Each structure stands twice: as C-alpha cells, then as structure tokens.
Protein backbone atom coordinates (compact mmCIF):
# COMPACT_ATOMS: atom_id res chain seq x y z
CA MET A 1 120.33 107.36 86.05
CA SER A 2 117.83 108.28 88.76
CA ALA A 3 114.90 108.53 86.33
CA VAL A 4 113.76 108.44 82.71
CA SER A 5 112.77 111.79 81.23
CA LYS A 6 110.70 110.24 78.55
CA THR A 7 107.04 109.81 79.49
CA LEU A 8 106.29 106.07 79.55
CA PRO A 9 103.02 104.25 80.24
CA PRO A 10 102.64 102.88 83.76
CA GLU A 11 102.88 99.35 82.54
CA ALA A 12 106.40 100.03 81.26
CA LEU A 13 107.61 99.38 84.86
CA PHE A 14 106.69 95.73 84.28
CA ASP A 15 108.43 95.38 80.88
CA TRP A 16 112.11 94.62 81.25
CA ASP A 17 113.04 95.46 77.62
CA THR A 18 111.15 98.76 77.60
CA MET A 19 112.72 100.01 80.79
CA SER A 20 116.15 98.80 79.78
CA ALA A 21 115.90 100.59 76.33
CA ALA A 22 114.57 103.78 77.97
CA LEU A 23 117.50 103.87 80.42
CA ALA A 24 120.05 103.14 77.70
CA ALA A 25 118.72 106.08 75.67
CA GLN A 26 118.58 108.37 78.70
CA GLU A 27 121.03 111.29 78.63
CA PRO A 28 122.66 111.96 82.03
CA TRP A 29 120.73 114.45 84.17
CA TRP A 30 124.08 116.05 85.23
CA THR A 31 127.76 115.76 84.40
CA PRO A 32 129.06 112.52 85.83
CA GLY A 33 131.11 113.29 89.02
CA ASP A 34 129.43 116.76 89.59
CA GLU A 35 126.29 115.57 91.23
CA HIS A 36 124.69 112.44 92.58
CA GLY A 37 121.21 110.93 92.80
CA TYR A 38 119.25 108.12 94.28
CA ALA A 39 117.65 105.59 91.86
CA PRO A 40 115.00 103.69 93.79
CA VAL A 41 112.88 102.94 90.82
CA THR A 42 115.58 102.31 88.14
CA TYR A 43 117.92 100.41 90.41
CA ALA A 44 116.90 96.94 89.28
CA TRP A 45 117.53 97.70 85.60
CA LEU A 46 120.72 99.58 86.22
CA LEU A 47 122.20 96.50 87.93
CA GLY A 48 120.23 93.80 86.13
CA GLU A 49 120.63 94.82 82.39
CA PRO A 50 124.42 94.70 82.47
CA LEU A 51 124.18 91.27 84.17
CA ARG A 52 121.67 90.09 81.43
CA ARG A 53 123.95 91.34 78.74
CA LEU A 54 126.97 89.56 80.28
CA THR A 55 125.23 86.26 81.16
CA GLY A 56 122.22 86.15 78.85
CA GLN A 57 120.02 85.76 82.07
CA ARG A 58 117.93 88.22 83.85
CA PRO A 59 118.79 88.69 87.52
CA GLY A 60 116.32 86.18 88.96
CA GLN A 61 117.58 83.55 86.48
CA ALA A 62 121.23 84.32 87.12
CA MET A 63 120.76 84.09 90.86
CA GLN A 64 118.79 80.84 90.58
CA THR A 65 121.61 79.41 88.42
CA ALA A 66 124.25 80.44 90.93
CA PHE A 67 122.28 79.11 93.89
CA VAL A 68 121.57 75.75 92.26
CA SER A 69 125.10 75.35 91.27
CA VAL A 70 125.98 75.11 94.99
CA GLY A 71 122.98 72.92 95.92
CA MET A 72 120.62 75.70 97.21
CA THR A 73 117.22 76.88 96.11
CA PHE A 74 116.24 80.48 95.40
CA SER A 75 112.97 82.18 94.64
CA LEU A 76 111.85 85.85 94.17
CA ALA A 77 108.16 85.90 95.04
CA CYS A 78 105.43 87.87 96.72
CA LEU A 79 102.72 85.99 98.56
CA ILE A 80 99.15 86.44 97.14
CA ARG A 81 97.90 87.55 100.57
CA THR A 82 100.57 90.32 100.51
CA TRP A 83 99.34 91.63 97.13
CA SER A 84 95.75 91.54 98.21
CA ALA A 85 96.48 93.41 101.44
CA LEU A 86 98.58 96.06 99.58
CA LEU A 87 95.92 96.65 96.96
CA ARG A 88 93.40 97.67 99.54
CA TYR A 89 95.19 101.00 99.98
CA PRO A 90 93.69 103.75 97.72
CA ALA A 91 97.19 104.86 96.52
CA CYS A 92 97.86 101.36 95.21
CA ALA A 93 94.75 101.29 93.05
CA THR A 94 95.34 104.46 91.04
CA SER A 95 97.71 102.98 88.54
CA MET A 96 100.02 99.99 87.96
CA ALA A 97 102.92 102.30 88.73
CA MET A 98 101.53 103.29 92.08
CA ARG A 99 100.84 99.59 92.85
CA ALA A 100 104.44 98.67 92.07
CA HIS A 101 105.77 101.54 94.22
CA ALA A 102 103.50 100.66 97.17
CA VAL A 103 104.38 97.01 96.92
CA CYS A 104 108.12 97.93 97.02
CA LEU A 105 107.68 100.24 99.89
CA ALA A 106 105.71 97.77 101.90
CA LEU A 107 108.23 94.96 101.19
CA TRP A 108 111.16 97.13 102.23
CA ALA A 109 109.32 98.13 105.41
CA ASN A 110 108.40 94.54 106.22
CA PRO A 111 110.49 92.02 104.18
CA THR A 112 108.89 89.06 106.10
CA ALA A 113 105.36 89.95 104.91
C-alpha cells in the first residue's frame, strides 16, 4: 500500500490507530504482482502494525524490549534543536503533514542531526 485513497486530516499521520485502520481498509491500487510502488509515508505502519498485532507492542516498544533483553539501550528521538531548525522552512509550517514529511526528509539526508 503506497498510499491511502481516503482523505484524512493531516494530524492522522500522528495517530497510529487511524493510519493502521485506513491502511487495513484500503483496497489495493493494482492487482498484486502486476505492478509495484514505493511506500515512503505508509512504510512504518505496513511494518509496524503486523508487529503490534503479533507482540502487542508498537515498533519502538518492541525494539526497546529486544535491546533491553540483551543489556542494551535504545531510543527513537529527535533533538529539540533539530525540530526548531526544520520548522524554520516555509514548507514545514504549512501543515502538520508537511512538517512530518520535512522532518523525515531532513533526518534521512542527515541522520546525525
């Protein structure tokens, strides 16, 4: 599922249950095996929701549990200075969805930020 055809409010990107339900209800965009697509926005839910259904934990929780079980620590975080720097860009200020997209692009471009 490369996208959701139903129009959702921008804040849906920050609601795990809303996005998971929208993807579960989504009809395939094409016959499986005939075409392919890239899912940069839906990727987290496509991998994370089956994990949540199997383990009862969201991806960050499951990874934390796995790391702690072998004596390591784990954290998914974005530094406040990174957020404030990203939100200075006009494209980031237009909507929550644009902010999320810009943050992802910036972090992919510079994961040490």
